[in-house]
Each structure stands twice: as C-alpha cells, then as structure tokens.
C-alpha cells in the first residue's frame, strides 16, 4: 500500500514549489473529509486520493509562459525556417533566413479557440508577451475573411497562416464545434493554411480533430498518450493492477455523484492535469467539482471555473 507520510511530504513540497500554494494542509483535509478511511472492502479511500493528488500535473503561470515560448518555436518558427531553407536550396545563410522568417511571422495571424472569456484568449496575452509579437498579429475572429467585420489587413492578400492556440484538446469534440462555427467559414474565404495547435492534446483528441474539423493542420506541443489516463492498463500512476482497480472504483463512485454523465472526466478522459487559469473537465471530477446537493460538504482541491457559470 502507499506510505501516507511520504505522500503528504511530497504534496507539501509540490504545493510550495510548483502548485503556487494550492493544496495547503487545510485544503487537503477539507477535500479528504469526503472520503472514507475504511470504505467498501476496508479500502482506505483517503490514502488512494493522496496518491492520486501527489501525481497531479499542475502548470503554474511560470510553466505556462515557458510552454508558450516553446509553442511558438514548435508551431511557427521551426516550420517556417524549414520551408525557407527548402525553398532556398537548403541555405544556411542566417541573414537570409532571419529576414524571410520575420516576413513569414508578419504574414501569420495568431488566434484563440473560443470566445473572449475562455482560456484560449487568456493564453494569447502571455503568448504575445513571451514571444515579443506585435498586437497587430492578433485579430478578432469577426475581422477574419467571411465574417461581418472582415479586415483586409487579416485577409488573404496579407496572410499565409492562421494559427489557433488552445491549452488542451481532450476528446476533440469542443474543437469540432468551434470548427463548425468559425473555421468552415474562414476556410471557404481563404486559401491560407489554418492550424489548430493546442499545448497539450490526447492522442484520441488529435485523431478526432483531424477527422472532424476543417483545419488544414492539427498538431500539439505535448501529446498525452494512454499512460496519462489514470486508470488505463498502461497508466503511469499505478504499477499494481489491484490498487489501480481500487482507485478507479473510488473515483467512479464519487464521480457518479459529482458528474453523473462523465464520472471519470469528460468522455472518460481520466486525466489529472490543471493550469493556473483553470482545470479542464477532462480531469477527474473528484479533483475539481464543486459540492453537489447530495454532498454539501464536498470541497474541490483544484477548482474548475465552468463555462456555464
């Protein structure tokens, strides 16, 4: 079984150094109070939850800013440099490459998935700062070709690449809805490359987005394979199948109370990931859900701010 003292020390260290003060002693105890020390079959639910919490992937503002710098290099700079070199006989002339790279960036527009109140828009602010980009490269969606406020500065004559960024692609269904509302219109009025590039994405989410959206390219900075699913057979959270099965039963039981339709996260994502700005619904509800009527004392450890709130 798990070593409670070790887990609590690990969580305390993570809270102080990585989690930006989240999951303090009181917050942990409030959260754990909804679980039993002797659940069905004598299973210590609280110890299981401490183990899961100790493996939670949290990205604070410092880490998010670093990721956005890497994101710009991966999704914009490197592909542009590769294209420039290919079109110029594999040149290594740095002056030429830099001049054409700046031109390529000036003909790129950076946008977020969702409306101005959602996390993608929040990330754009940091993305622009961290990569020293001018604000003119960040249009509003209504300024794009095919929309009522279309602006020639962001039209086909001025743009070769539209890059849409996001924090995470879980199931891929939300980006499908966004594609129906925005990307189908844009692609019908522009021949420019249209990319969807979240920072994180599950393999299933990437596959779904590639098959069900109008983007000309779908990629991500960091892929989340099946090992990031808490209870998959290849889960990086558990080496012991018995302990994994016990934890899944616990999370499913409480998850049914917290979010009956998706007890292990949206579309059974089973993730344990969160950001400074929010916790995605692909993460297990036992981490983020607010108290339901049937569990009035329930206290989330990494609260989620719902779009419907």
C-alpha atoms as a PDB file:
ATOM      1  CA  UNK A   1       0.000   0.000   0.000  1.00  0.00           C
ATOM      2  CA  UNK A   2       1.032   3.650  -0.019  1.00  0.00           C
ATOM      3  CA  UNK A   3       3.194   5.470   2.535  1.00  0.00           C
ATOM      4  CA  UNK A   4       0.998   8.283   3.883  1.00  0.00           C
ATOM      5  CA  UNK A   5       3.840  10.239   5.463  1.00  0.00           C
ATOM      6  CA  UNK A   6       5.821  10.175   2.226  1.00  0.00           C
ATOM      7  CA  UNK A   7       2.780  11.256   0.181  1.00  0.00           C
ATOM      8  CA  UNK A   8       1.996  14.172   2.468  1.00  0.00           C
ATOM      9  CA  UNK A   9       5.608  15.379   2.346  1.00  0.00           C
ATOM     10  CA  UNK A  10       5.613  15.127  -1.441  1.00  0.00           C
ATOM     11  CA  UNK A  11       2.345  17.055  -1.743  1.00  0.00           C
ATOM     12  CA  UNK A  12       3.566  19.750   0.656  1.00  0.00           C
ATOM     13  CA  UNK A  13       6.731  20.164  -1.403  1.00  0.00           C
ATOM     14  CA  UNK A  14       4.731  20.360  -4.644  1.00  0.00           C
ATOM     15  CA  UNK A  15       2.339  22.914  -3.141  1.00  0.00           C
ATOM     16  CA  UNK A  16       5.226  25.130  -2.039  1.00  0.00           C
ATOM     17  CA  UNK A  17       7.352  24.869  -5.190  1.00  0.00           C
ATOM     18  CA  UNK A  18       5.107  24.074  -8.184  1.00  0.00           C
ATOM     19  CA  UNK A  19       1.433  24.415  -7.344  1.00  0.00           C
ATOM     20  CA  UNK A  20       1.595  28.113  -6.406  1.00  0.00           C
ATOM     21  CA  UNK A  21       0.271  27.464  -2.904  1.00  0.00           C
ATOM     22  CA  UNK A  22      -2.649  25.267  -3.956  1.00  0.00           C
ATOM     23  CA  UNK A  23      -3.420  22.209  -1.804  1.00  0.00           C
ATOM     24  CA  UNK A  24      -2.410  23.559   1.587  1.00  0.00           C
ATOM     25  CA  UNK A  25      -2.852  21.421   4.675  1.00  0.00           C
ATOM     26  CA  UNK A  26      -6.378  22.709   5.392  1.00  0.00           C
ATOM     27  CA  UNK A  27      -7.464  22.406   1.751  1.00  0.00           C
ATOM     28  CA  UNK A  28      -6.269  18.813   1.660  1.00  0.00           C
ATOM     29  CA  UNK A  29      -8.082  17.913   4.864  1.00  0.00           C
ATOM     30  CA  UNK A  30     -11.294  19.574   3.646  1.00  0.00           C
ATOM     31  CA  UNK A  31     -11.059  17.602   0.408  1.00  0.00           C
ATOM     32  CA  UNK A  32     -10.176  14.310   2.090  1.00  0.00           C
ATOM     33  CA  UNK A  33     -13.025  14.635   4.583  1.00  0.00           C
ATOM     34  CA  UNK A  34     -15.493  13.472   1.918  1.00  0.00           C
ATOM     35  CA  UNK A  35     -13.644  10.164   1.550  1.00  0.00           C
ATOM     36  CA  UNK A  36     -13.597   7.257   3.990  1.00  0.00           C
ATOM     37  CA  UNK A  37     -10.630   5.752   5.815  1.00  0.00           C
ATOM     38  CA  UNK A  38     -12.420   2.403   5.624  1.00  0.00           C
ATOM     39  CA  UNK A  39     -14.540   2.211   2.501  1.00  0.00           C
ATOM     40  CA  UNK A  40     -16.082  -0.889   0.863  1.00  0.00           C
ATOM     41  CA  UNK A  41     -13.859  -3.902   1.461  1.00  0.00           C
ATOM     42  CA  UNK A  42     -11.850  -1.968   4.043  1.00  0.00           C
ATOM     43  CA  UNK A  43     -10.150   0.153   1.348  1.00  0.00           C
ATOM     44  CA  UNK A  44      -8.609   3.377   2.635  1.00  0.00           C
ATOM     45  CA  UNK A  45     -10.054   5.877   0.173  1.00  0.00           C
ATOM     46  CA  UNK A  46      -8.150   8.806   1.635  1.00  0.00           C
ATOM     47  CA  UNK A  47      -4.800   7.129   1.092  1.00  0.00           C
ATOM     48  CA  UNK A  48      -5.741   6.422  -2.502  1.00  0.00           C
ATOM     49  CA  UNK A  49      -6.680  10.069  -3.013  1.00  0.00           C
ATOM     50  CA  UNK A  50      -3.394  11.257  -1.532  1.00  0.00           C
ATOM     51  CA  UNK A  51      -1.571   9.048  -4.040  1.00  0.00           C
ATOM     52  CA  UNK A  52      -3.542  10.480  -6.960  1.00  0.00           C
ATOM     53  CA  UNK A  53      -3.058  14.041  -5.709  1.00  0.00           C
ATOM     54  CA  UNK A  54       0.694  13.506  -5.391  1.00  0.00           C
ATOM     55  CA  UNK A  55       0.769  12.736  -9.129  1.00  0.00           C
ATOM     56  CA  UNK A  56      -1.383  15.663 -10.251  1.00  0.00           C
ATOM     57  CA  UNK A  57       0.164  17.629 -13.140  1.00  0.00           C
ATOM     58  CA  UNK A  58      -0.213  21.328 -12.394  1.00  0.00           C
ATOM     59  CA  UNK A  59       1.151  24.081 -14.628  1.00  0.00           C
ATOM     60  CA  UNK A  60       1.500  27.444 -12.941  1.00  0.00           C
ATOM     61  CA  UNK A  61       1.932  30.792 -14.666  1.00  0.00           C
ATOM     62  CA  UNK A  62       5.710  30.393 -14.881  1.00  0.00           C
ATOM     63  CA  UNK A  63       5.424  26.982 -16.538  1.00  0.00           C
ATOM     64  CA  UNK A  64       2.635  28.168 -18.860  1.00  0.00           C
ATOM     65  CA  UNK A  65       4.779  31.075 -20.051  1.00  0.00           C
ATOM     66  CA  UNK A  66       7.688  28.708 -20.758  1.00  0.00           C
ATOM     67  CA  UNK A  67       5.361  26.398 -22.654  1.00  0.00           C
ATOM     68  CA  UNK A  68       4.083  29.285 -24.766  1.00  0.00           C
ATOM     69  CA  UNK A  69       7.631  30.194 -25.780  1.00  0.00           C
ATOM     70  CA  UNK A  70       8.261  26.589 -26.809  1.00  0.00           C
ATOM     71  CA  UNK A  71       4.868  26.549 -28.516  1.00  0.00           C
ATOM     72  CA  UNK A  72       5.798  29.484 -30.747  1.00  0.00           C
ATOM     73  CA  UNK A  73       9.036  27.802 -31.770  1.00  0.00           C
ATOM     74  CA  UNK A  74       7.312  24.497 -32.490  1.00  0.00           C
ATOM     75  CA  UNK A  75       4.185  25.718 -34.277  1.00  0.00           C
ATOM     76  CA  UNK A  76       5.513  28.798 -36.053  1.00  0.00           C
ATOM     77  CA  UNK A  77       9.272  29.374 -36.192  1.00  0.00           C
ATOM     78  CA  UNK A  78      10.611  25.886 -36.925  1.00  0.00           C
ATOM     79  CA  UNK A  79       8.133  25.051 -39.723  1.00  0.00           C
ATOM     80  CA  UNK A  80       8.766  28.469 -41.276  1.00  0.00           C
ATOM     81  CA  UNK A  81      12.551  28.036 -41.154  1.00  0.00           C
ATOM     82  CA  UNK A  82      12.298  24.549 -42.655  1.00  0.00           C
ATOM     83  CA  UNK A  83      10.168  25.937 -45.500  1.00  0.00           C
ATOM     84  CA  UNK A  84      12.558  28.860 -46.077  1.00  0.00           C
ATOM     85  CA  UNK A  85      15.583  26.582 -46.300  1.00  0.00           C
ATOM     86  CA  UNK A  86      13.819  24.154 -48.622  1.00  0.00           C
ATOM     87  CA  UNK A  87      12.773  26.965 -50.954  1.00  0.00           C
ATOM     88  CA  UNK A  88      16.335  28.348 -50.994  1.00  0.00           C
ATOM     89  CA  UNK A  89      18.451  25.273 -51.794  1.00  0.00           C
ATOM     90  CA  UNK A  90      18.874  24.302 -48.115  1.00  0.00           C
ATOM     91  CA  UNK A  91      20.580  27.612 -47.415  1.00  0.00           C
ATOM     92  CA  UNK A  92      22.449  28.223 -44.158  1.00  0.00           C
ATOM     93  CA  UNK A  93      22.659  31.957 -44.786  1.00  0.00           C
ATOM     94  CA  UNK A  94      21.415  33.225 -41.428  1.00  0.00           C
ATOM     95  CA  UNK A  95      20.800  36.753 -42.658  1.00  0.00           C
ATOM     96  CA  UNK A  96      18.533  35.475 -45.425  1.00  0.00           C
ATOM     97  CA  UNK A  97      16.776  33.025 -43.122  1.00  0.00           C
ATOM     98  CA  UNK A  98      16.122  35.667 -40.469  1.00  0.00           C
ATOM     99  CA  UNK A  99      14.788  38.202 -42.963  1.00  0.00           C
ATOM    100  CA  UNK A 100      12.395  35.692 -44.510  1.00  0.00           C
ATOM    101  CA  UNK A 101      11.402  34.381 -41.070  1.00  0.00           C
ATOM    102  CA  UNK A 102      10.355  37.857 -39.977  1.00  0.00           C
ATOM    103  CA  UNK A 103       8.355  38.182 -43.177  1.00  0.00           C
ATOM    104  CA  UNK A 104       6.674  34.808 -42.545  1.00  0.00           C
ATOM    105  CA  UNK A 105       5.757  35.844 -38.998  1.00  0.00           C
ATOM    106  CA  UNK A 106       4.320  39.148 -40.278  1.00  0.00           C
ATOM    107  CA  UNK A 107       2.071  37.093 -42.565  1.00  0.00           C
ATOM    108  CA  UNK A 108       0.855  34.887 -39.702  1.00  0.00           C
ATOM    109  CA  UNK A 109      -2.170  35.623 -37.527  1.00  0.00           C
ATOM    110  CA  UNK A 110      -2.493  34.210 -34.022  1.00  0.00           C
ATOM    111  CA  UNK A 111      -5.927  33.469 -32.620  1.00  0.00           C
ATOM    112  CA  UNK A 112      -7.500  31.572 -29.772  1.00  0.00           C
ATOM    113  CA  UNK A 113     -10.173  28.924 -29.707  1.00  0.00           C
ATOM    114  CA  UNK A 114     -13.414  30.065 -28.084  1.00  0.00           C
ATOM    115  CA  UNK A 115     -14.870  33.414 -27.125  1.00  0.00           C
ATOM    116  CA  UNK A 116     -13.038  36.242 -25.292  1.00  0.00           C
ATOM    117  CA  UNK A 117     -13.994  34.879 -21.853  1.00  0.00           C
ATOM    118  CA  UNK A 118     -12.422  31.452 -22.389  1.00  0.00           C
ATOM    119  CA  UNK A 119      -8.938  30.143 -21.609  1.00  0.00           C
ATOM    120  CA  UNK A 120      -7.572  30.307 -25.144  1.00  0.00           C
ATOM    121  CA  UNK A 121      -7.999  34.081 -25.206  1.00  0.00           C
ATOM    122  CA  UNK A 122      -6.340  34.295 -21.801  1.00  0.00           C
ATOM    123  CA  UNK A 123      -3.287  32.480 -23.190  1.00  0.00           C
ATOM    124  CA  UNK A 124      -2.946  34.829 -26.169  1.00  0.00           C
ATOM    125  CA  UNK A 125      -1.917  37.698 -23.896  1.00  0.00           C
ATOM    126  CA  UNK A 126       1.009  35.726 -22.472  1.00  0.00           C
ATOM    127  CA  UNK A 127       1.798  34.244 -25.896  1.00  0.00           C
ATOM    128  CA  UNK A 128       2.252  37.731 -27.363  1.00  0.00           C
ATOM    129  CA  UNK A 129       4.368  38.911 -24.428  1.00  0.00           C
ATOM    130  CA  UNK A 130       6.664  35.901 -24.232  1.00  0.00           C
ATOM    131  CA  UNK A 131       7.381  35.892 -27.974  1.00  0.00           C
ATOM    132  CA  UNK A 132       7.716  39.665 -28.458  1.00  0.00           C
ATOM    133  CA  UNK A 133       4.986  39.820 -31.082  1.00  0.00           C
ATOM    134  CA  UNK A 134       3.168  42.969 -32.180  1.00  0.00           C
ATOM    135  CA  UNK A 135      -0.503  43.237 -31.272  1.00  0.00           C
ATOM    136  CA  UNK A 136      -1.457  43.685 -34.940  1.00  0.00           C
ATOM    137  CA  UNK A 137      -0.877  39.964 -35.499  1.00  0.00           C
ATOM    138  CA  UNK A 138      -3.740  39.108 -33.126  1.00  0.00           C
ATOM    139  CA  UNK A 139      -7.067  39.846 -34.858  1.00  0.00           C
ATOM    140  CA  UNK A 140     -10.547  39.310 -33.501  1.00  0.00           C
ATOM    141  CA  UNK A 141     -12.473  36.457 -35.064  1.00  0.00           C
ATOM    142  CA  UNK A 142     -15.027  38.857 -36.583  1.00  0.00           C
ATOM    143  CA  UNK A 143     -12.178  40.520 -38.562  1.00  0.00           C
ATOM    144  CA  UNK A 144     -11.387  37.312 -40.459  1.00  0.00           C
ATOM    145  CA  UNK A 145     -12.379  36.696 -44.086  1.00  0.00           C
ATOM    146  CA  UNK A 146     -16.019  35.675 -44.404  1.00  0.00           C
ATOM    147  CA  UNK A 147     -17.166  37.471 -41.253  1.00  0.00           C
ATOM    148  CA  UNK A 148     -19.113  40.776 -40.971  1.00  0.00           C
ATOM    149  CA  UNK A 149     -16.114  42.800 -39.766  1.00  0.00           C
ATOM    150  CA  UNK A 150     -13.610  41.333 -42.247  1.00  0.00           C
ATOM    151  CA  UNK A 151     -10.464  43.438 -42.464  1.00  0.00           C
ATOM    152  CA  UNK A 152      -8.122  43.300 -45.468  1.00  0.00           C
ATOM    153  CA  UNK A 153      -5.146  43.502 -43.086  1.00  0.00           C
ATOM    154  CA  UNK A 154      -6.093  39.996 -41.971  1.00  0.00           C
ATOM    155  CA  UNK A 155      -7.265  38.788 -45.378  1.00  0.00           C
ATOM    156  CA  UNK A 156      -5.816  36.503 -47.996  1.00  0.00           C
ATOM    157  CA  UNK A 157      -3.524  39.090 -49.576  1.00  0.00           C
ATOM    158  CA  UNK A 158      -1.803  39.697 -46.241  1.00  0.00           C
ATOM    159  CA  UNK A 159      -1.902  36.303 -44.532  1.00  0.00           C
ATOM    160  CA  UNK A 160      -0.376  32.905 -45.320  1.00  0.00           C
ATOM    161  CA  UNK A 161      -1.090  31.203 -41.999  1.00  0.00           C
ATOM    162  CA  UNK A 162      -3.779  31.381 -39.316  1.00  0.00           C
ATOM    163  CA  UNK A 163      -2.646  29.695 -36.099  1.00  0.00           C
ATOM    164  CA  UNK A 164      -5.254  28.891 -33.438  1.00  0.00           C
ATOM    165  CA  UNK A 165      -3.874  28.087 -29.990  1.00  0.00           C
ATOM    166  CA  UNK A 166      -5.505  26.371 -27.009  1.00  0.00           C
ATOM    167  CA  UNK A 167      -4.416  24.934 -23.684  1.00  0.00           C
ATOM    168  CA  UNK A 168      -5.651  21.359 -24.133  1.00  0.00           C
ATOM    169  CA  UNK A 169      -7.520  19.163 -26.596  1.00  0.00           C
ATOM    170  CA  UNK A 170      -9.123  16.282 -24.718  1.00  0.00           C
ATOM    171  CA  UNK A 171     -11.833  14.473 -26.664  1.00  0.00           C
ATOM    172  CA  UNK A 172     -11.689  16.799 -29.672  1.00  0.00           C
ATOM    173  CA  UNK A 173     -15.435  17.446 -29.632  1.00  0.00           C
ATOM    174  CA  UNK A 174     -15.228  21.054 -28.482  1.00  0.00           C
ATOM    175  CA  UNK A 175     -12.839  21.944 -31.282  1.00  0.00           C
ATOM    176  CA  UNK A 176     -15.237  20.246 -33.697  1.00  0.00           C
ATOM    177  CA  UNK A 177     -17.972  22.656 -32.559  1.00  0.00           C
ATOM    178  CA  UNK A 178     -15.600  25.612 -32.937  1.00  0.00           C
ATOM    179  CA  UNK A 179     -14.657  24.452 -36.420  1.00  0.00           C
ATOM    180  CA  UNK A 180     -18.312  24.381 -37.434  1.00  0.00           C
ATOM    181  CA  UNK A 181     -18.839  27.949 -36.199  1.00  0.00           C
ATOM    182  CA  UNK A 182     -15.589  29.589 -37.325  1.00  0.00           C
ATOM    183  CA  UNK A 183     -13.147  27.502 -39.354  1.00  0.00           C
ATOM    184  CA  UNK A 184     -15.566  26.347 -42.053  1.00  0.00           C
ATOM    185  CA  UNK A 185     -16.365  29.973 -42.832  1.00  0.00           C
ATOM    186  CA  UNK A 186     -12.711  31.032 -42.762  1.00  0.00           C
ATOM    187  CA  UNK A 187     -11.548  28.158 -44.973  1.00  0.00           C
ATOM    188  CA  UNK A 188     -14.268  28.976 -47.509  1.00  0.00           C
ATOM    189  CA  UNK A 189     -12.924  32.529 -47.860  1.00  0.00           C
ATOM    190  CA  UNK A 190      -9.176  31.998 -47.623  1.00  0.00           C
ATOM    191  CA  UNK A 191      -6.587  29.667 -49.119  1.00  0.00           C
ATOM    192  CA  UNK A 192      -4.164  30.308 -46.258  1.00  0.00           C
ATOM    193  CA  UNK A 193      -3.017  27.466 -44.013  1.00  0.00           C
ATOM    194  CA  UNK A 194      -5.258  27.149 -40.932  1.00  0.00           C
ATOM    195  CA  UNK A 195      -3.689  25.331 -37.985  1.00  0.00           C
ATOM    196  CA  UNK A 196      -5.083  24.143 -34.683  1.00  0.00           C
ATOM    197  CA  UNK A 197      -2.246  23.686 -32.221  1.00  0.00           C
ATOM    198  CA  UNK A 198      -3.081  23.243 -28.515  1.00  0.00           C
ATOM    199  CA  UNK A 199      -0.269  22.988 -25.986  1.00  0.00           C
ATOM    200  CA  UNK A 200      -1.474  19.575 -24.769  1.00  0.00           C
ATOM    201  CA  UNK A 201      -3.600  17.002 -26.560  1.00  0.00           C
ATOM    202  CA  UNK A 202      -4.605  13.400 -26.074  1.00  0.00           C
ATOM    203  CA  UNK A 203      -3.891  11.083 -28.992  1.00  0.00           C
ATOM    204  CA  UNK A 204      -7.605  10.371 -29.337  1.00  0.00           C
ATOM    205  CA  UNK A 205      -8.367  14.083 -29.334  1.00  0.00           C
ATOM    206  CA  UNK A 206      -5.836  14.775 -32.073  1.00  0.00           C
ATOM    207  CA  UNK A 207      -7.188  11.943 -34.194  1.00  0.00           C
ATOM    208  CA  UNK A 208     -10.771  13.122 -33.729  1.00  0.00           C
ATOM    209  CA  UNK A 209      -9.904  16.734 -34.580  1.00  0.00           C
ATOM    210  CA  UNK A 210      -8.058  15.699 -37.728  1.00  0.00           C
ATOM    211  CA  UNK A 211     -11.044  13.698 -38.926  1.00  0.00           C
ATOM    212  CA  UNK A 212     -13.857  16.041 -37.915  1.00  0.00           C
ATOM    213  CA  UNK A 213     -12.697  19.632 -38.384  1.00  0.00           C
ATOM    214  CA  UNK A 214     -11.935  21.964 -41.287  1.00  0.00           C
ATOM    215  CA  UNK A 215      -8.399  22.806 -40.124  1.00  0.00           C
ATOM    216  CA  UNK A 216      -5.691  22.165 -42.698  1.00  0.00           C
ATOM    217  CA  UNK A 217      -3.319  21.114 -39.904  1.00  0.00           C
ATOM    218  CA  UNK A 218      -3.823  19.728 -36.390  1.00  0.00           C
ATOM    219  CA  UNK A 219      -0.804  19.306 -34.103  1.00  0.00           C
ATOM    220  CA  UNK A 220       0.247  19.940 -30.495  1.00  0.00           C
ATOM    221  CA  UNK A 221       3.305  20.728 -28.427  1.00  0.00           C
ATOM    222  CA  UNK A 222       2.922  17.798 -26.000  1.00  0.00           C
ATOM    223  CA  UNK A 223       0.998  14.594 -26.691  1.00  0.00           C
ATOM    224  CA  UNK A 224      -0.755  12.822 -23.814  1.00  0.00           C
ATOM    225  CA  UNK A 225      -0.769   9.109 -24.562  1.00  0.00           C
ATOM    226  CA  UNK A 226      -2.786   6.441 -22.732  1.00  0.00           C
ATOM    227  CA  UNK A 227      -0.294   6.411 -19.852  1.00  0.00           C
ATOM    228  CA  UNK A 228      -1.665   9.811 -18.772  1.00  0.00           C
ATOM    229  CA  UNK A 229      -5.095   8.258 -18.225  1.00  0.00           C
ATOM    230  CA  UNK A 230      -5.200   7.496 -14.517  1.00  0.00           C
ATOM    231  CA  UNK A 231      -6.746   4.034 -14.872  1.00  0.00           C
ATOM    232  CA  UNK A 232      -5.604   2.778 -18.261  1.00  0.00           C
ATOM    233  CA  UNK A 233      -3.694  -0.542 -18.294  1.00  0.00           C
ATOM    234  CA  UNK A 234      -0.540   1.448 -19.122  1.00  0.00           C
ATOM    235  CA  UNK A 235      -1.190   4.164 -16.509  1.00  0.00           C
ATOM    236  CA  UNK A 236       1.947   5.873 -15.209  1.00  0.00           C
ATOM    237  CA  UNK A 237       0.143   6.371 -11.888  1.00  0.00           C
ATOM    238  CA  UNK A 238      -0.031   2.679 -10.925  1.00  0.00           C
ATOM    239  CA  UNK A 239       2.245  -0.320 -11.166  1.00  0.00           C
ATOM    240  CA  UNK A 240      -0.115  -2.555  -9.185  1.00  0.00           C
ATOM    241  CA  UNK A 241      -3.287  -3.596 -11.049  1.00  0.00           C
ATOM    242  CA  UNK A 242      -5.195  -4.205  -7.807  1.00  0.00           C
ATOM    243  CA  UNK A 243      -4.502  -0.706  -6.478  1.00  0.00           C
ATOM    244  CA  UNK A 244      -5.396   0.808  -9.848  1.00  0.00           C
ATOM    245  CA  UNK A 245      -8.739  -1.041  -9.881  1.00  0.00           C
ATOM    246  CA  UNK A 246      -9.490   0.066  -6.312  1.00  0.00           C
ATOM    247  CA  UNK A 247      -8.748   3.698  -7.140  1.00  0.00           C
ATOM    248  CA  UNK A 248     -10.897   3.551 -10.264  1.00  0.00           C
ATOM    249  CA  UNK A 249     -13.855   2.211  -8.253  1.00  0.00           C
ATOM    250  CA  UNK A 250     -13.478   5.020  -5.719  1.00  0.00           C
ATOM    251  CA  UNK A 251     -13.252   7.749  -8.371  1.00  0.00           C
ATOM    252  CA  UNK A 252     -16.132   6.276 -10.350  1.00  0.00           C
ATOM    253  CA  UNK A 253     -18.365   6.042  -7.265  1.00  0.00           C
ATOM    254  CA  UNK A 254     -17.840   9.684  -6.264  1.00  0.00           C
ATOM    255  CA  UNK A 255     -17.645  10.797  -9.882  1.00  0.00           C
ATOM    256  CA  UNK A 256     -21.176   9.479 -10.483  1.00  0.00           C
ATOM    257  CA  UNK A 257     -22.396  11.769  -7.704  1.00  0.00           C
ATOM    258  CA  UNK A 258     -20.354  14.771  -8.866  1.00  0.00           C
ATOM    259  CA  UNK A 259     -20.914  14.472 -12.623  1.00  0.00           C
ATOM    260  CA  UNK A 260     -23.145  11.530 -13.490  1.00  0.00           C
ATOM    261  CA  UNK A 261     -22.652  11.698 -17.258  1.00  0.00           C
ATOM    262  CA  UNK A 262     -18.845  11.792 -17.082  1.00  0.00           C
ATOM    263  CA  UNK A 263     -17.726  10.341 -13.722  1.00  0.00           C
ATOM    264  CA  UNK A 264     -14.090   9.969 -14.828  1.00  0.00           C
ATOM    265  CA  UNK A 265     -13.847  13.241 -16.728  1.00  0.00           C
ATOM    266  CA  UNK A 266     -15.370  14.408 -19.991  1.00  0.00           C
ATOM    267  CA  UNK A 267     -15.748  11.478 -22.398  1.00  0.00           C
ATOM    268  CA  UNK A 268     -13.875   9.246 -19.925  1.00  0.00           C
ATOM    269  CA  UNK A 269     -10.639  11.224 -20.328  1.00  0.00           C
ATOM    270  CA  UNK A 270      -9.333  10.175 -16.867  1.00  0.00           C
ATOM    271  CA  UNK A 271      -6.738  12.951 -16.696  1.00  0.00           C
ATOM    272  CA  UNK A 272      -5.123  14.550 -13.652  1.00  0.00           C
ATOM    273  CA  UNK A 273      -3.988  17.880 -15.074  1.00  0.00           C
ATOM    274  CA  UNK A 274      -4.638  21.508 -14.240  1.00  0.00           C
ATOM    275  CA  UNK A 275      -3.453  25.017 -15.076  1.00  0.00           C
ATOM    276  CA  UNK A 276      -3.060  28.310 -13.283  1.00  0.00           C
ATOM    277  CA  UNK A 277      -6.073  29.694 -15.148  1.00  0.00           C
ATOM    278  CA  UNK A 278      -8.385  26.666 -14.810  1.00  0.00           C
ATOM    279  CA  UNK A 279      -8.804  22.903 -14.514  1.00  0.00           C
ATOM    280  CA  UNK A 280     -10.151  21.196 -17.667  1.00  0.00           C
ATOM    281  CA  UNK A 281     -13.221  18.990 -17.428  1.00  0.00           C
ATOM    282  CA  UNK A 282     -11.134  16.155 -18.909  1.00  0.00           C
ATOM    283  CA  UNK A 283      -9.617  15.869 -15.431  1.00  0.00           C
ATOM    284  CA  UNK A 284     -11.230  13.576 -12.867  1.00  0.00           C
ATOM    285  CA  UNK A 285     -14.201  15.402 -11.248  1.00  0.00           C
ATOM    286  CA  UNK A 286     -13.017  14.331  -7.787  1.00  0.00           C
ATOM    287  CA  UNK A 287     -10.299  16.998  -8.149  1.00  0.00           C
ATOM    288  CA  UNK A 288     -12.352  19.959  -9.364  1.00  0.00           C
ATOM    289  CA  UNK A 289     -16.091  19.511  -8.885  1.00  0.00           C
ATOM    290  CA  UNK A 290     -17.951  21.859  -6.530  1.00  0.00           C
ATOM    291  CA  UNK A 291     -20.270  20.474  -3.854  1.00  0.00           C
ATOM    292  CA  UNK A 292     -23.471  18.925  -5.251  1.00  0.00           C
ATOM    293  CA  UNK A 293     -26.725  18.843  -3.272  1.00  0.00           C
ATOM    294  CA  UNK A 294     -26.075  15.207  -2.352  1.00  0.00           C
ATOM    295  CA  UNK A 295     -22.599  16.039  -0.987  1.00  0.00           C
ATOM    296  CA  UNK A 296     -22.997  19.511   0.578  1.00  0.00           C
ATOM    297  CA  UNK A 297     -19.646  19.355   2.383  1.00  0.00           C
ATOM    298  CA  UNK A 298     -17.667  18.450  -0.746  1.00  0.00           C
ATOM    299  CA  UNK A 299     -14.632  20.682  -1.276  1.00  0.00           C
ATOM    300  CA  UNK A 300     -12.600  20.627  -4.537  1.00  0.00           C
ATOM    301  CA  UNK A 301      -8.810  20.640  -4.391  1.00  0.00           C
ATOM    302  CA  UNK A 302      -8.255  22.231  -7.841  1.00  0.00           C
ATOM    303  CA  UNK A 303     -11.430  24.148  -8.546  1.00  0.00           C
ATOM    304  CA  UNK A 304     -12.774  24.374 -12.096  1.00  0.00           C
ATOM    305  CA  UNK A 305     -14.453  27.540 -13.361  1.00  0.00           C
ATOM    306  CA  UNK A 306     -17.209  26.272 -15.612  1.00  0.00           C
ATOM    307  CA  UNK A 307     -18.082  27.993 -18.895  1.00  0.00           C
ATOM    308  CA  UNK A 308     -21.713  27.818 -17.791  1.00  0.00           C
ATOM    309  CA  UNK A 309     -21.019  29.593 -14.509  1.00  0.00           C
END
